[in-house]
Protein backbone atom coordinates (compact mmCIF):
# COMPACT_ATOMS: atom_id res chain seq x y z
CA LEU A 1 28.41 -15.47 31.25
CA VAL A 2 25.20 -17.14 30.25
CA VAL A 3 24.70 -20.61 31.57
CA LYS A 4 21.12 -21.11 30.47
CA GLN A 5 20.04 -21.87 26.91
CA PHE A 6 17.78 -19.21 25.36
CA SER A 7 14.29 -20.37 24.47
CA ALA A 8 13.39 -20.76 20.82
CA GLN A 9 12.16 -17.57 19.20
CA LYS A 10 8.40 -17.49 18.65
CA LYS A 11 6.92 -16.67 15.29
CA ALA A 12 5.73 -13.07 14.95
CA ASP A 13 1.99 -12.38 15.04
CA GLU A 14 1.19 -11.24 11.48
CA ALA A 15 -2.03 -9.49 12.51
CA ILE A 16 -0.16 -7.23 14.94
CA LEU A 17 2.50 -6.46 12.33
CA GLN A 18 -0.14 -5.54 9.74
CA THR A 19 -1.98 -3.32 12.22
CA GLY A 20 1.29 -1.61 13.12
CA GLU A 21 2.08 -1.02 9.45
CA LYS A 22 -1.40 0.43 8.87
CA LEU A 23 -0.91 2.75 11.88
CA LYS A 24 2.48 3.90 10.59
CA GLU A 25 1.12 4.64 7.10
CA ALA A 26 -1.84 6.57 8.50
CA ILE A 27 0.30 8.67 10.86
CA THR A 28 2.80 9.49 8.11
CA ALA A 29 0.10 10.46 5.61
CA ILE A 30 -1.83 12.60 8.10
CA ARG A 31 1.29 14.42 9.27
CA ASP A 32 2.37 15.07 5.66
CA THR A 33 -1.08 16.37 4.79
CA ARG A 34 -1.15 18.64 7.83
CA ASN A 35 2.25 20.00 6.86
CA ARG A 36 1.26 20.63 3.23
CA ASN A 37 -1.85 22.49 4.37
CA GLN A 38 0.05 24.65 6.88
CA LEU A 39 -1.65 23.08 9.91
CA LYS A 40 0.73 23.23 12.85
CA PRO A 41 1.36 19.96 14.71
CA LYS A 42 0.18 21.54 17.98
CA ASP A 43 -3.22 22.52 16.48
CA GLU A 44 -5.87 19.99 17.42
CA VAL A 45 -7.95 18.52 14.62
CA THR A 46 -11.00 16.31 14.32
CA LEU A 47 -10.35 13.13 12.33
CA PHE A 48 -12.98 11.18 10.40
CA ILE A 49 -12.14 7.76 8.96
CA GLN A 50 -14.07 6.14 6.11
CA THR A 51 -13.12 2.46 6.07
CA ASP A 52 -14.50 -1.05 5.84
CA ASP A 53 -12.11 -2.13 8.61
CA THR A 54 -13.26 -0.10 11.63
CA ASN A 55 -12.19 -2.81 14.10
CA THR A 56 -8.52 -2.36 13.21
CA TYR A 57 -8.67 1.41 13.59
CA GLN A 58 -10.61 1.16 16.85
CA SER A 59 -7.81 -0.96 18.31
CA ILE A 60 -5.21 1.72 17.47
CA GLU A 61 -7.42 4.77 17.91
CA LYS A 62 -5.71 6.17 21.02
CA LEU A 63 -2.24 5.89 19.51
CA LEU A 64 -3.39 7.48 16.25
CA ALA A 65 -5.12 10.35 18.06
CA LYS A 66 -2.05 11.06 20.17
CA GLN A 67 0.38 10.94 17.25
CA VAL A 68 -1.62 13.28 14.98
CA ASN A 69 -3.01 15.47 17.79
CA ALA A 70 -6.65 14.62 17.07
CA GLU A 71 -9.14 15.70 19.72
CA SER A 72 -11.59 13.08 18.45
CA ILE A 73 -11.80 10.30 15.91
CA SER A 74 -15.10 9.33 14.28
CA TYR A 75 -16.05 6.79 11.65
CA THR A 76 -18.15 7.68 8.66
CA GLN A 77 -19.47 6.14 5.47
CA GLU A 78 -20.14 9.49 3.77
CA PRO A 79 -17.64 12.12 2.60
CA VAL A 80 -17.13 14.97 5.07
CA THR A 81 -17.56 18.32 3.36
CA GLY A 82 -15.20 21.13 4.17
CA ALA A 83 -12.49 18.79 5.41
CA ILE A 84 -9.02 18.01 4.12
CA THR A 85 -9.23 14.63 2.41
CA LEU A 86 -6.50 12.06 2.03
CA VAL A 87 -6.45 8.44 0.92
CA VAL A 88 -4.27 5.80 2.56
CA GLY A 89 -4.59 2.42 0.90
CA LYS A 90 -8.33 1.80 0.58
CA ASP A 91 -9.23 4.08 3.49
CA LYS A 92 -10.11 7.77 3.43
CA PHE A 93 -9.26 10.23 6.16
CA TYR A 94 -10.96 13.58 6.61
CA ILE A 95 -9.23 16.21 8.73
CA GLN A 96 -11.28 19.09 10.10
CA SER A 97 -9.60 22.06 11.70
CA THR A 98 -10.67 25.41 13.07
CA THR A 99 -7.83 26.94 11.02
CA ALA A 100 -8.82 28.07 7.51
CA VAL A 101 -7.31 25.86 4.79
CA ASP A 102 -6.59 26.70 1.16
CA THR A 103 -8.04 23.84 -0.94
CA THR A 104 -6.22 24.73 -4.17
CA ILE A 105 -3.06 22.98 -2.96
CA GLN A 106 -5.08 19.91 -2.03
CA LYS A 107 -6.80 19.86 -5.43
CA GLN A 108 -3.44 20.00 -7.21
CA GLN A 109 -2.07 17.15 -5.11
CA LEU A 110 -5.14 15.00 -5.77
CA GLN A 111 -4.81 15.70 -9.52
CA LYS A 112 -1.16 14.61 -9.43
CA GLU A 113 -2.09 11.46 -7.55
CA ILE A 114 -4.80 10.62 -10.10
CA GLU A 115 -2.35 11.07 -12.98
CA TYR A 116 0.21 8.84 -11.26
CA LEU A 117 -2.37 6.14 -10.50
CA LYS A 118 -3.70 6.19 -14.07
CA GLY A 119 -0.16 5.73 -15.42
CA PHE A 120 0.41 2.88 -12.97
CA LEU A 121 -2.87 1.28 -14.01
CA ILE A 122 -1.92 1.51 -17.69
CA SER A 123 1.40 -0.24 -17.03
CA VAL A 124 -0.35 -3.06 -15.14
CA GLU A 125 -2.95 -3.39 -17.90
CA LYS A 126 -0.17 -3.67 -20.51
CA LYS A 127 1.38 -6.55 -18.58
CA LEU A 128 -1.93 -8.36 -18.26
CA CYS A 129 -2.77 -7.84 -21.96
CA ASN A 130 0.62 -9.22 -23.04
CA GLU A 131 -0.06 -12.84 -24.05
CA LYS A 132 3.58 -13.92 -23.63
CA PHE A 133 3.66 -12.54 -20.10
CA VAL A 134 0.40 -14.28 -19.16
CA GLN A 135 1.52 -17.60 -20.67
CA ASN A 136 5.00 -17.63 -19.13
CA ALA A 137 4.35 -16.05 -15.74
CA LYS A 138 3.62 -18.05 -12.63
CA PRO A 139 -0.02 -18.00 -11.48
CA GLU A 140 0.87 -16.14 -8.28
CA VAL A 141 2.57 -13.37 -10.30
CA ILE A 142 -0.53 -12.97 -12.47
CA ALA A 143 -2.74 -12.92 -9.37
CA MET A 144 -0.52 -10.23 -7.84
CA GLU A 145 -0.78 -8.09 -10.98
CA ARG A 146 -4.58 -8.45 -10.97
CA LYS A 147 -4.63 -7.38 -7.31
CA LYS A 148 -2.48 -4.35 -8.20
CA ARG A 149 -4.99 -3.46 -10.93
CA GLU A 150 -7.93 -3.82 -8.53
CA ASP A 151 -6.22 -1.75 -5.81
CA ALA A 152 -5.30 0.99 -8.29
CA GLU A 153 -8.88 1.16 -9.59
CA LEU A 154 -10.24 1.44 -6.04
CA LYS A 155 -7.75 4.14 -5.13
CA ILE A 156 -8.51 6.14 -8.30
CA LYS A 157 -12.21 5.98 -7.44
CA ALA A 158 -11.53 7.15 -3.88
CA VAL A 159 -9.30 10.03 -5.01
CA LEU A 160 -11.86 11.13 -7.62
CA GLU A 161 -14.57 11.17 -4.94
CA SER A 162 -12.29 13.25 -2.74
CA LEU A 163 -11.64 15.67 -5.58
CA THR A 164 -15.35 16.10 -6.38
CA SER A 165 -16.12 16.74 -2.69
CA LEU A 166 -13.67 19.69 -2.78
CA LYS A 167 -15.34 21.38 -5.75
């Protein structure tokens, strides 16, 4: 039996939740990319991160390195040549391995991603060009659609840069 009243539940720290979500997305994307490029999970890799938010990644660096079996994690502002490239959100990850990697698979995947993002961007543009939608929609819905457009444009740019670095 419980005789004492439980204390009121505290509100969750949004910053910690967002950092955790970013960590989960990065781990999932890196593991998927390793799998697609026939890199075994036990093979150690070197990870380079190109991001504007280095503080967030530095706070989760040890967890990320352990989960993706990275011997080291470095931060860069330039594309890393000869590395497997992947984009997560607005951030780019470069995976270097001692194992030889076939880049044709990676090029095909980047092409598919560009096609998908261009289609998504067209659908968002159609909504924003529709006068009835703009007149009748709430301001926050319009702002969200504009943010989607901006994010898609940034991601297309990042994927195109990744594709040109492979060629």
